Amino acid sequence: MSNKNQIIPGPHPGQFHLPADNNIVYLNPMERTLYQLFINHPEGIRADALALHWQELYRLYAHESVFDDKKLMLSTVENLCGKSKIVFYSNISRIKHKFITTIGARKAKSFIIIRHHDGRYRIGPKIK
């Protein structure tokens, strides 16, 4: 990402700082987990291959979660990777909404997770 599109973890849990606009986007633990996964994988991830990243998701969620209940954390990550993808899609939608609400639709295009023409989800606008 260029400096204009830079995003860094904020000073407090749940925050991502956008230095170019001096804005902070607040995400819940599952949203942060998912967003960090896509930061770690700029090449993108197919929704149907999310389960291949289960261990990384669990590790990220265990770090982000406010719960110490291992069963609850396991269940949450399993739901995210589930076949229906409802939890995945709803988290993607909430992340998008939070960026748009914070910085506007035009600027948010550089930061939201979207499905690209190759079927992979990644952060940033579609390449034409």
C-alpha atoms as a PDB file:
ATOM      1  CA  MET A   1       0.000   0.000   0.000  1.00  0.00           C
ATOM      2  CA  SER A   2       1.210   3.503  -0.691  1.00  0.00           C
ATOM      3  CA  ASN A   3       1.422   6.029   2.144  1.00  0.00           C
ATOM      4  CA  LYS A   4      -1.872   7.442   0.940  1.00  0.00           C
ATOM      5  CA  ASN A   5      -3.483   4.040   1.511  1.00  0.00           C
ATOM      6  CA  GLN A   6      -1.529   3.120   4.632  1.00  0.00           C
ATOM      7  CA  ILE A   7      -3.343   1.551   7.552  1.00  0.00           C
ATOM      8  CA  ILE A   8      -1.732   0.698  10.861  1.00  0.00           C
ATOM      9  CA  PRO A   9      -3.016  -0.717  14.139  1.00  0.00           C
ATOM     10  CA  GLY A  10      -4.220   2.076  16.400  1.00  0.00           C
ATOM     11  CA  PRO A  11      -2.931   2.777  19.890  1.00  0.00           C
ATOM     12  CA  HIS A  12      -5.836   0.892  21.500  1.00  0.00           C
ATOM     13  CA  PRO A  13      -7.451  -2.505  20.810  1.00  0.00           C
ATOM     14  CA  GLY A  14     -10.056  -2.360  18.074  1.00  0.00           C
ATOM     15  CA  GLN A  15      -8.506   0.546  16.229  1.00  0.00           C
ATOM     16  CA  PHE A  16      -6.943   0.874  12.812  1.00  0.00           C
ATOM     17  CA  HIS A  17      -5.319   4.239  12.134  1.00  0.00           C
ATOM     18  CA  LEU A  18      -5.422   5.832   8.680  1.00  0.00           C
ATOM     19  CA  PRO A  19      -2.524   8.335   8.824  1.00  0.00           C
ATOM     20  CA  ALA A  20      -3.311  10.104   5.527  1.00  0.00           C
ATOM     21  CA  ASP A  21      -6.657  11.294   6.895  1.00  0.00           C
ATOM     22  CA  ASN A  22      -5.802  11.064  10.593  1.00  0.00           C
ATOM     23  CA  ASN A  23      -8.872   8.871  11.103  1.00  0.00           C
ATOM     24  CA  ILE A  24      -9.402   5.796  13.219  1.00  0.00           C
ATOM     25  CA  VAL A  25     -11.674   2.907  12.239  1.00  0.00           C
ATOM     26  CA  TYR A  26     -13.012   0.822  15.122  1.00  0.00           C
ATOM     27  CA  LEU A  27     -13.500  -2.900  14.457  1.00  0.00           C
ATOM     28  CA  ASN A  28     -14.743  -5.640  16.791  1.00  0.00           C
ATOM     29  CA  PRO A  29     -12.459  -8.638  17.494  1.00  0.00           C
ATOM     30  CA  MET A  30     -13.779 -10.818  14.645  1.00  0.00           C
ATOM     31  CA  GLU A  31     -13.653  -7.933  12.167  1.00  0.00           C
ATOM     32  CA  ARG A  32     -10.072  -7.149  13.235  1.00  0.00           C
ATOM     33  CA  THR A  33      -9.157 -10.816  12.871  1.00  0.00           C
ATOM     34  CA  LEU A  34     -10.558 -11.006   9.360  1.00  0.00           C
ATOM     35  CA  TYR A  35      -9.065  -7.669   8.324  1.00  0.00           C
ATOM     36  CA  GLN A  36      -5.639  -8.665   9.644  1.00  0.00           C
ATOM     37  CA  LEU A  37      -5.862 -11.939   7.704  1.00  0.00           C
ATOM     38  CA  PHE A  38      -6.323  -9.971   4.484  1.00  0.00           C
ATOM     39  CA  ILE A  39      -3.500  -7.577   5.396  1.00  0.00           C
ATOM     40  CA  ASN A  40      -1.310 -10.682   5.820  1.00  0.00           C
ATOM     41  CA  HIS A  41      -2.453 -12.049   2.426  1.00  0.00           C
ATOM     42  CA  PRO A  42      -2.407  -9.240  -0.158  1.00  0.00           C
ATOM     43  CA  GLU A  43      -2.631 -11.883  -2.894  1.00  0.00           C
ATOM     44  CA  GLY A  44      -6.198 -12.499  -1.728  1.00  0.00           C
ATOM     45  CA  ILE A  45      -8.166 -15.468  -0.462  1.00  0.00           C
ATOM     46  CA  ARG A  46     -11.124 -17.279  -1.986  1.00  0.00           C
ATOM     47  CA  ALA A  47     -14.130 -17.561   0.332  1.00  0.00           C
ATOM     48  CA  ASP A  48     -14.242 -21.321  -0.207  1.00  0.00           C
ATOM     49  CA  ALA A  49     -10.570 -21.578   0.830  1.00  0.00           C
ATOM     50  CA  LEU A  50     -10.963 -19.702   4.108  1.00  0.00           C
ATOM     51  CA  ALA A  51     -10.754 -22.950   6.081  1.00  0.00           C
ATOM     52  CA  LEU A  52      -7.200 -23.425   4.754  1.00  0.00           C
ATOM     53  CA  HIS A  53      -6.301 -20.435   6.930  1.00  0.00           C
ATOM     54  CA  TRP A  54      -8.045 -21.805  10.024  1.00  0.00           C
ATOM     55  CA  GLN A  55      -4.930 -21.938  12.228  1.00  0.00           C
ATOM     56  CA  GLU A  56      -3.910 -18.405  11.333  1.00  0.00           C
ATOM     57  CA  LEU A  57      -7.464 -17.171  11.952  1.00  0.00           C
ATOM     58  CA  TYR A  58      -7.561 -18.907  15.316  1.00  0.00           C
ATOM     59  CA  ARG A  59      -4.203 -17.426  16.330  1.00  0.00           C
ATOM     60  CA  LEU A  60      -5.300 -13.934  15.253  1.00  0.00           C
ATOM     61  CA  TYR A  61      -8.676 -14.265  16.974  1.00  0.00           C
ATOM     62  CA  ALA A  62      -7.108 -15.569  20.191  1.00  0.00           C
ATOM     63  CA  HIS A  63      -4.956 -12.430  20.202  1.00  0.00           C
ATOM     64  CA  GLU A  64      -7.867 -10.062  19.418  1.00  0.00           C
ATOM     65  CA  SER A  65     -10.617 -11.672  21.481  1.00  0.00           C
ATOM     66  CA  VAL A  66     -11.647 -10.363  24.873  1.00  0.00           C
ATOM     67  CA  PHE A  67     -12.613 -13.907  25.894  1.00  0.00           C
ATOM     68  CA  ASP A  68     -10.394 -16.519  27.501  1.00  0.00           C
ATOM     69  CA  ASP A  69     -12.863 -19.307  26.708  1.00  0.00           C
ATOM     70  CA  LYS A  70     -11.060 -21.603  24.255  1.00  0.00           C
ATOM     71  CA  LYS A  71     -14.289 -23.416  23.257  1.00  0.00           C
ATOM     72  CA  LEU A  72     -15.967 -20.116  22.409  1.00  0.00           C
ATOM     73  CA  MET A  73     -12.970 -18.998  20.354  1.00  0.00           C
ATOM     74  CA  LEU A  74     -12.886 -22.327  18.487  1.00  0.00           C
ATOM     75  CA  SER A  75     -16.606 -22.112  17.788  1.00  0.00           C
ATOM     76  CA  THR A  76     -16.328 -18.529  16.537  1.00  0.00           C
ATOM     77  CA  VAL A  77     -13.539 -19.352  14.080  1.00  0.00           C
ATOM     78  CA  GLU A  78     -15.374 -22.503  12.934  1.00  0.00           C
ATOM     79  CA  ASN A  79     -18.464 -20.387  12.221  1.00  0.00           C
ATOM     80  CA  LEU A  80     -16.368 -17.945  10.205  1.00  0.00           C
ATOM     81  CA  CYS A  81     -14.942 -20.788   8.107  1.00  0.00           C
ATOM     82  CA  GLY A  82     -18.286 -22.620   7.812  1.00  0.00           C
ATOM     83  CA  LYS A  83     -19.658 -23.768   4.478  1.00  0.00           C
ATOM     84  CA  SER A  84     -22.528 -21.254   4.413  1.00  0.00           C
ATOM     85  CA  LYS A  85     -20.103 -18.280   4.615  1.00  0.00           C
ATOM     86  CA  ILE A  86     -22.841 -16.188   6.288  1.00  0.00           C
ATOM     87  CA  VAL A  87     -20.489 -15.114   9.100  1.00  0.00           C
ATOM     88  CA  PHE A  88     -17.721 -14.337   6.583  1.00  0.00           C
ATOM     89  CA  TYR A  89     -19.977 -12.211   4.361  1.00  0.00           C
ATOM     90  CA  SER A  90     -21.610 -10.377   7.265  1.00  0.00           C
ATOM     91  CA  ASN A  91     -18.199  -9.454   8.716  1.00  0.00           C
ATOM     92  CA  ILE A  92     -16.980  -8.238   5.308  1.00  0.00           C
ATOM     93  CA  SER A  93     -20.130  -6.115   5.055  1.00  0.00           C
ATOM     94  CA  ARG A  94     -19.697  -4.621   8.550  1.00  0.00           C
ATOM     95  CA  ILE A  95     -16.041  -3.791   7.860  1.00  0.00           C
ATOM     96  CA  LYS A  96     -17.036  -2.055   4.620  1.00  0.00           C
ATOM     97  CA  HIS A  97     -19.763  -0.077   6.382  1.00  0.00           C
ATOM     98  CA  LYS A  98     -17.371   1.082   9.120  1.00  0.00           C
ATOM     99  CA  PHE A  99     -14.781   2.320   6.622  1.00  0.00           C
ATOM    100  CA  ILE A 100     -17.412   4.100   4.514  1.00  0.00           C
ATOM    101  CA  THR A 101     -18.950   5.703   7.596  1.00  0.00           C
ATOM    102  CA  THR A 102     -15.541   6.893   8.803  1.00  0.00           C
ATOM    103  CA  ILE A 103     -13.892   8.155   5.585  1.00  0.00           C
ATOM    104  CA  GLY A 104     -16.556   8.127   2.872  1.00  0.00           C
ATOM    105  CA  ALA A 105     -17.245   5.748   0.007  1.00  0.00           C
ATOM    106  CA  ARG A 106     -14.621   7.077  -2.435  1.00  0.00           C
ATOM    107  CA  LYS A 107     -11.687   6.873  -0.006  1.00  0.00           C
ATOM    108  CA  ALA A 108     -12.924   3.606   1.515  1.00  0.00           C
ATOM    109  CA  LYS A 109     -12.434   1.779  -1.803  1.00  0.00           C
ATOM    110  CA  SER A 110      -8.718   1.508  -1.000  1.00  0.00           C
ATOM    111  CA  PHE A 111      -9.368  -0.143   2.366  1.00  0.00           C
ATOM    112  CA  ILE A 112     -12.377  -2.416   2.030  1.00  0.00           C
ATOM    113  CA  ILE A 113     -12.259  -6.138   1.333  1.00  0.00           C
ATOM    114  CA  ILE A 114     -13.883  -6.932  -1.993  1.00  0.00           C
ATOM    115  CA  ARG A 115     -14.178  -9.874  -4.341  1.00  0.00           C
ATOM    116  CA  HIS A 116     -12.014  -9.406  -7.407  1.00  0.00           C
ATOM    117  CA  HIS A 117     -12.442 -10.831 -10.912  1.00  0.00           C
ATOM    118  CA  ASP A 118     -10.271 -13.847 -10.052  1.00  0.00           C
ATOM    119  CA  GLY A 119     -12.703 -14.811  -7.265  1.00  0.00           C
ATOM    120  CA  ARG A 120     -10.298 -13.852  -4.508  1.00  0.00           C
ATOM    121  CA  TYR A 121     -11.205 -11.390  -1.783  1.00  0.00           C
ATOM    122  CA  ARG A 122      -8.562  -8.776  -1.041  1.00  0.00           C
ATOM    123  CA  ILE A 123      -8.169  -5.282   0.289  1.00  0.00           C
ATOM    124  CA  GLY A 124      -8.388  -2.540  -2.313  1.00  0.00           C
ATOM    125  CA  PRO A 125     -10.230  -1.586  -5.470  1.00  0.00           C
ATOM    126  CA  LYS A 126     -10.799  -3.922  -8.367  1.00  0.00           C
ATOM    127  CA  ILE A 127      -8.264  -3.632 -11.133  1.00  0.00           C
ATOM    128  CA  LYS A 128      -9.939  -2.994 -14.471  1.00  0.00           C
END
